[in-house]
Amino acid sequence: MVAEDVPQVIEIERRAFSTPWSGKAFRDLLEHDEVLLRVLEVPDGEAVDQEGEHRVEGSGAATPPEGEDSTARGAVAGYAVTWALGREGELANFALAERYRGRGLASWFLDALLAEIRERGVRTLFLEVRASNEPALRLYRTIGFQEVGRRSGYYTHPPEDALIMLKEL
């Protein structure tokens, strides 16, 4: 993620969460080495393959490929915020734009993120998720996260418990 991605990230954030993070919060996090901010980009115009499915080429890369101008970047389809502190990490924020959900992109994006965070020495990754967020729970369970706790009344707007999940990397 780079500063130019933040407006698109905020648009996804506002649609995905009832208590969204601010643009300032994302921009401030860009300054911290222990925070991994990644975006999943798709080509502008959403290319469609022969079967009528969207063909997506994404990258968790924080900067455009060498020699490319940042103005050539694609549209942001999703983003992730992960803290990496020693051997432990936390997936603090993760979302895909609604039109890209249900196509396996979230799983692909998380797999790439997990590989990167593992390379940084993280061996245990935590996350918190609304207890009612069945699509997210299915995704996290599918890639190996396990429920290890519950925080009563953790979320507001609306009030709800958070499930704490863990994945050993």
C-alpha atoms as a PDB file:
ATOM      1  CA  MET A   1       0.000   0.000   0.000  1.00  0.00           C
ATOM      2  CA  VAL A   2       1.168   3.480  -0.828  1.00  0.00           C
ATOM      3  CA  ALA A   3      -0.414   6.827   0.039  1.00  0.00           C
ATOM      4  CA  GLU A   4      -2.120   6.984  -3.359  1.00  0.00           C
ATOM      5  CA  ASP A   5      -4.030   3.776  -2.529  1.00  0.00           C
ATOM      6  CA  VAL A   6      -5.621   5.192   0.629  1.00  0.00           C
ATOM      7  CA  PRO A   7      -8.717   6.792  -0.993  1.00  0.00           C
ATOM      8  CA  GLN A   8      -9.659   3.446  -2.608  1.00  0.00           C
ATOM      9  CA  VAL A   9      -8.877   1.586   0.622  1.00  0.00           C
ATOM     10  CA  ILE A  10     -11.131   3.975   2.562  1.00  0.00           C
ATOM     11  CA  GLU A  11     -13.989   3.398   0.112  1.00  0.00           C
ATOM     12  CA  ILE A  12     -13.732  -0.378   0.680  1.00  0.00           C
ATOM     13  CA  GLU A  13     -13.331   0.145   4.443  1.00  0.00           C
ATOM     14  CA  ARG A  14     -16.475   2.286   4.713  1.00  0.00           C
ATOM     15  CA  ARG A  15     -18.567  -0.280   2.866  1.00  0.00           C
ATOM     16  CA  ALA A  16     -17.143  -3.282   4.745  1.00  0.00           C
ATOM     17  CA  PHE A  17     -17.195  -2.108   8.374  1.00  0.00           C
ATOM     18  CA  SER A  18     -19.703  -0.338  10.603  1.00  0.00           C
ATOM     19  CA  THR A  19     -16.878   1.472  12.438  1.00  0.00           C
ATOM     20  CA  PRO A  20     -14.339   2.158   9.668  1.00  0.00           C
ATOM     21  CA  TRP A  21     -10.771   3.296  10.170  1.00  0.00           C
ATOM     22  CA  SER A  22      -9.947   6.796   8.969  1.00  0.00           C
ATOM     23  CA  GLY A  23      -7.738   7.728   6.057  1.00  0.00           C
ATOM     24  CA  LYS A  24      -5.383   9.340   8.565  1.00  0.00           C
ATOM     25  CA  ALA A  25      -5.056   6.024  10.408  1.00  0.00           C
ATOM     26  CA  PHE A  26      -3.986   4.245   7.211  1.00  0.00           C
ATOM     27  CA  ARG A  27      -1.594   7.044   6.196  1.00  0.00           C
ATOM     28  CA  ASP A  28      -0.022   7.069   9.682  1.00  0.00           C
ATOM     29  CA  LEU A  29       0.532   3.302   9.541  1.00  0.00           C
ATOM     30  CA  LEU A  30       2.522   3.677   6.312  1.00  0.00           C
ATOM     31  CA  GLU A  31       5.333   5.107   8.460  1.00  0.00           C
ATOM     32  CA  HIS A  32       5.789   2.017  10.679  1.00  0.00           C
ATOM     33  CA  ASP A  33       8.164  -0.800   9.718  1.00  0.00           C
ATOM     34  CA  GLU A  34       6.405  -3.360  11.936  1.00  0.00           C
ATOM     35  CA  VAL A  35       3.151  -2.853  10.029  1.00  0.00           C
ATOM     36  CA  LEU A  36       2.577  -4.610   6.711  1.00  0.00           C
ATOM     37  CA  LEU A  37       0.053  -2.762   4.578  1.00  0.00           C
ATOM     38  CA  ARG A  38      -0.750  -4.587   1.377  1.00  0.00           C
ATOM     39  CA  VAL A  39      -3.247  -4.081  -1.405  1.00  0.00           C
ATOM     40  CA  LEU A  40      -4.644  -6.470  -3.962  1.00  0.00           C
ATOM     41  CA  GLU A  41      -4.741  -4.676  -7.285  1.00  0.00           C
ATOM     42  CA  VAL A  42      -6.701  -5.533 -10.385  1.00  0.00           C
ATOM     43  CA  PRO A  43      -6.184  -4.068 -13.842  1.00  0.00           C
ATOM     44  CA  ASP A  44      -8.249  -0.968 -14.442  1.00  0.00           C
ATOM     45  CA  GLY A  45     -11.375  -1.932 -16.313  1.00  0.00           C
ATOM     46  CA  GLU A  46     -11.625  -5.422 -14.726  1.00  0.00           C
ATOM     47  CA  ALA A  47     -10.562  -7.704 -17.559  1.00  0.00           C
ATOM     48  CA  VAL A  48     -12.962 -10.606 -18.158  1.00  0.00           C
ATOM     49  CA  ASP A  49     -11.809 -14.042 -19.280  1.00  0.00           C
ATOM     50  CA  GLN A  50     -13.443 -16.250 -21.927  1.00  0.00           C
ATOM     51  CA  GLU A  51     -15.825 -17.853 -19.408  1.00  0.00           C
ATOM     52  CA  GLY A  52     -17.122 -14.427 -18.371  1.00  0.00           C
ATOM     53  CA  GLU A  53     -15.275 -14.529 -15.049  1.00  0.00           C
ATOM     54  CA  HIS A  54     -13.126 -11.666 -13.889  1.00  0.00           C
ATOM     55  CA  ARG A  55      -9.443 -12.289 -14.489  1.00  0.00           C
ATOM     56  CA  VAL A  56      -7.499 -10.774 -11.619  1.00  0.00           C
ATOM     57  CA  GLU A  57      -3.811 -10.240 -11.406  1.00  0.00           C
ATOM     58  CA  GLY A  58      -2.945  -9.068  -7.924  1.00  0.00           C
ATOM     59  CA  SER A  59       0.182  -8.287  -6.023  1.00  0.00           C
ATOM     60  CA  GLY A  60       0.895  -7.687  -2.397  1.00  0.00           C
ATOM     61  CA  ALA A  61       3.819  -5.543  -3.484  1.00  0.00           C
ATOM     62  CA  ALA A  62       4.055  -2.262  -1.602  1.00  0.00           C
ATOM     63  CA  THR A  63       5.397  -0.409  -4.623  1.00  0.00           C
ATOM     64  CA  PRO A  64       4.886  -0.724  -8.368  1.00  0.00           C
ATOM     65  CA  PRO A  65       7.281  -3.061 -10.192  1.00  0.00           C
ATOM     66  CA  GLU A  66      10.662  -1.519 -10.889  1.00  0.00           C
ATOM     67  CA  GLY A  67      10.549   0.928 -13.739  1.00  0.00           C
ATOM     68  CA  GLU A  68       6.790   1.479 -13.534  1.00  0.00           C
ATOM     69  CA  ASP A  69       5.232   4.781 -12.609  1.00  0.00           C
ATOM     70  CA  SER A  70       2.824   4.637  -9.653  1.00  0.00           C
ATOM     71  CA  THR A  71       0.163   6.193 -11.882  1.00  0.00           C
ATOM     72  CA  ALA A  72       0.137   2.887 -13.796  1.00  0.00           C
ATOM     73  CA  ARG A  73      -1.155   1.010 -10.752  1.00  0.00           C
ATOM     74  CA  GLY A  74      -4.463  -0.840 -11.048  1.00  0.00           C
ATOM     75  CA  ALA A  75      -7.611  -0.497  -9.008  1.00  0.00           C
ATOM     76  CA  VAL A  76      -7.529  -1.626  -5.372  1.00  0.00           C
ATOM     77  CA  ALA A  77      -9.732  -4.712  -4.945  1.00  0.00           C
ATOM     78  CA  GLY A  78      -8.759  -5.343  -1.323  1.00  0.00           C
ATOM     79  CA  TYR A  79      -6.267  -4.601   1.417  1.00  0.00           C
ATOM     80  CA  ALA A  80      -4.684  -6.045   4.532  1.00  0.00           C
ATOM     81  CA  VAL A  81      -3.083  -4.558   7.634  1.00  0.00           C
ATOM     82  CA  THR A  82      -0.860  -6.882   9.645  1.00  0.00           C
ATOM     83  CA  TRP A  83       1.315  -6.151  12.655  1.00  0.00           C
ATOM     84  CA  ALA A  84       4.550  -8.141  12.738  1.00  0.00           C
ATOM     85  CA  LEU A  85       6.171  -8.040  16.174  1.00  0.00           C
ATOM     86  CA  GLY A  86       8.795 -10.714  16.674  1.00  0.00           C
ATOM     87  CA  ARG A  87       7.367 -14.215  16.436  1.00  0.00           C
ATOM     88  CA  GLU A  88       3.766 -13.026  16.826  1.00  0.00           C
ATOM     89  CA  GLY A  89       1.586 -11.030  14.493  1.00  0.00           C
ATOM     90  CA  GLU A  90      -1.962  -9.855  14.107  1.00  0.00           C
ATOM     91  CA  LEU A  91      -4.162  -9.535  11.068  1.00  0.00           C
ATOM     92  CA  ALA A  92      -5.668  -6.230  12.182  1.00  0.00           C
ATOM     93  CA  ASN A  93      -7.746  -5.346   9.137  1.00  0.00           C
ATOM     94  CA  PHE A  94      -8.685  -7.207   5.973  1.00  0.00           C
ATOM     95  CA  ALA A  95     -11.340  -6.543   3.346  1.00  0.00           C
ATOM     96  CA  LEU A  96     -12.182  -6.985  -0.311  1.00  0.00           C
ATOM     97  CA  ALA A  97     -14.487  -4.760  -2.308  1.00  0.00           C
ATOM     98  CA  GLU A  98     -17.879  -6.425  -2.495  1.00  0.00           C
ATOM     99  CA  ARG A  99     -17.721  -7.032  -6.262  1.00  0.00           C
ATOM    100  CA  TYR A 100     -14.576  -9.166  -5.836  1.00  0.00           C
ATOM    101  CA  ARG A 101     -15.886 -11.411  -3.053  1.00  0.00           C
ATOM    102  CA  GLY A 102     -16.766 -15.064  -3.549  1.00  0.00           C
ATOM    103  CA  ARG A 103     -14.151 -15.716  -6.256  1.00  0.00           C
ATOM    104  CA  GLY A 104     -11.286 -17.133  -4.203  1.00  0.00           C
ATOM    105  CA  LEU A 105      -9.353 -13.866  -4.215  1.00  0.00           C
ATOM    106  CA  ALA A 106      -9.445 -13.437  -0.449  1.00  0.00           C
ATOM    107  CA  SER A 107      -7.915 -16.875   0.057  1.00  0.00           C
ATOM    108  CA  TRP A 108      -5.236 -16.210  -2.561  1.00  0.00           C
ATOM    109  CA  PHE A 109      -4.449 -12.795  -1.058  1.00  0.00           C
ATOM    110  CA  LEU A 110      -4.245 -14.191   2.495  1.00  0.00           C
ATOM    111  CA  ASP A 111      -1.975 -17.034   1.359  1.00  0.00           C
ATOM    112  CA  ALA A 112       0.434 -14.480  -0.157  1.00  0.00           C
ATOM    113  CA  LEU A 113       0.266 -12.354   2.986  1.00  0.00           C
ATOM    114  CA  LEU A 114       0.913 -15.358   5.246  1.00  0.00           C
ATOM    115  CA  ALA A 115       3.957 -16.327   3.193  1.00  0.00           C
ATOM    116  CA  GLU A 116       5.352 -12.810   3.487  1.00  0.00           C
ATOM    117  CA  ILE A 117       4.748 -12.518   7.203  1.00  0.00           C
ATOM    118  CA  ARG A 118       6.273 -15.973   7.782  1.00  0.00           C
ATOM    119  CA  GLU A 119       9.419 -14.751   5.961  1.00  0.00           C
ATOM    120  CA  ARG A 120       9.591 -11.933   8.518  1.00  0.00           C
ATOM    121  CA  GLY A 121       9.810 -14.493  11.332  1.00  0.00           C
ATOM    122  CA  VAL A 122       6.205 -14.462  12.522  1.00  0.00           C
ATOM    123  CA  ARG A 123       5.172 -17.924  13.679  1.00  0.00           C
ATOM    124  CA  THR A 124       1.788 -17.237  15.301  1.00  0.00           C
ATOM    125  CA  LEU A 125      -0.835 -14.976  13.726  1.00  0.00           C
ATOM    126  CA  PHE A 126      -3.937 -13.768  15.571  1.00  0.00           C
ATOM    127  CA  LEU A 127      -7.068 -12.006  14.389  1.00  0.00           C
ATOM    128  CA  GLU A 128     -10.406 -10.893  15.785  1.00  0.00           C
ATOM    129  CA  VAL A 129     -13.628 -11.210  13.813  1.00  0.00           C
ATOM    130  CA  ARG A 130     -17.294 -10.534  14.515  1.00  0.00           C
ATOM    131  CA  ALA A 131     -18.954 -13.721  15.751  1.00  0.00           C
ATOM    132  CA  SER A 132     -21.704 -13.298  13.123  1.00  0.00           C
ATOM    133  CA  ASN A 133     -19.374 -12.761  10.144  1.00  0.00           C
ATOM    134  CA  GLU A 134     -19.901 -16.188   8.592  1.00  0.00           C
ATOM    135  CA  PRO A 135     -18.152 -15.486   5.256  1.00  0.00           C
ATOM    136  CA  ALA A 136     -14.996 -14.333   7.073  1.00  0.00           C
ATOM    137  CA  LEU A 137     -15.169 -17.227   9.540  1.00  0.00           C
ATOM    138  CA  ARG A 138     -15.421 -19.725   6.645  1.00  0.00           C
ATOM    139  CA  LEU A 139     -12.421 -18.129   4.948  1.00  0.00           C
ATOM    140  CA  TYR A 140     -10.286 -18.065   8.082  1.00  0.00           C
ATOM    141  CA  ARG A 141     -11.182 -21.632   9.051  1.00  0.00           C
ATOM    142  CA  THR A 142     -10.487 -22.848   5.517  1.00  0.00           C
ATOM    143  CA  ILE A 143      -6.934 -21.500   5.622  1.00  0.00           C
ATOM    144  CA  GLY A 144      -6.267 -22.964   9.063  1.00  0.00           C
ATOM    145  CA  PHE A 145      -7.239 -20.400  11.695  1.00  0.00           C
ATOM    146  CA  GLN A 146      -8.747 -21.867  14.854  1.00  0.00           C
ATOM    147  CA  GLU A 147     -10.955 -20.165  17.423  1.00  0.00           C
ATOM    148  CA  VAL A 148      -9.049 -19.712  20.700  1.00  0.00           C
ATOM    149  CA  GLY A 149     -11.177 -17.204  22.599  1.00  0.00           C
ATOM    150  CA  ARG A 150     -13.998 -14.691  22.675  1.00  0.00           C
ATOM    151  CA  ARG A 151     -14.140 -11.024  23.676  1.00  0.00           C
ATOM    152  CA  SER A 152     -17.628 -10.234  24.953  1.00  0.00           C
ATOM    153  CA  GLY A 153     -19.093  -6.992  23.637  1.00  0.00           C
ATOM    154  CA  TYR A 154     -15.884  -6.128  21.792  1.00  0.00           C
ATOM    155  CA  TYR A 155     -17.600  -4.527  18.815  1.00  0.00           C
ATOM    156  CA  THR A 156     -20.002  -1.602  18.806  1.00  0.00           C
ATOM    157  CA  HIS A 157     -22.444  -0.433  16.123  1.00  0.00           C
ATOM    158  CA  PRO A 158     -23.952  -3.020  16.545  1.00  0.00           C
ATOM    159  CA  PRO A 159     -22.710  -4.531  19.810  1.00  0.00           C
ATOM    160  CA  GLU A 160     -21.273  -7.994  19.293  1.00  0.00           C
ATOM    161  CA  ASP A 161     -18.659 -10.428  20.540  1.00  0.00           C
ATOM    162  CA  ALA A 162     -15.357 -10.905  18.763  1.00  0.00           C
ATOM    163  CA  LEU A 163     -13.942 -14.345  18.160  1.00  0.00           C
ATOM    164  CA  ILE A 164     -10.185 -14.555  18.616  1.00  0.00           C
ATOM    165  CA  MET A 165      -8.568 -16.824  16.074  1.00  0.00           C
ATOM    166  CA  LEU A 166      -5.016 -18.117  15.750  1.00  0.00           C
ATOM    167  CA  LYS A 167      -2.953 -19.732  13.018  1.00  0.00           C
ATOM    168  CA  GLU A 168       0.433 -21.315  13.551  1.00  0.00           C
ATOM    169  CA  LEU A 169       2.675 -20.486  10.612  1.00  0.00           C
END
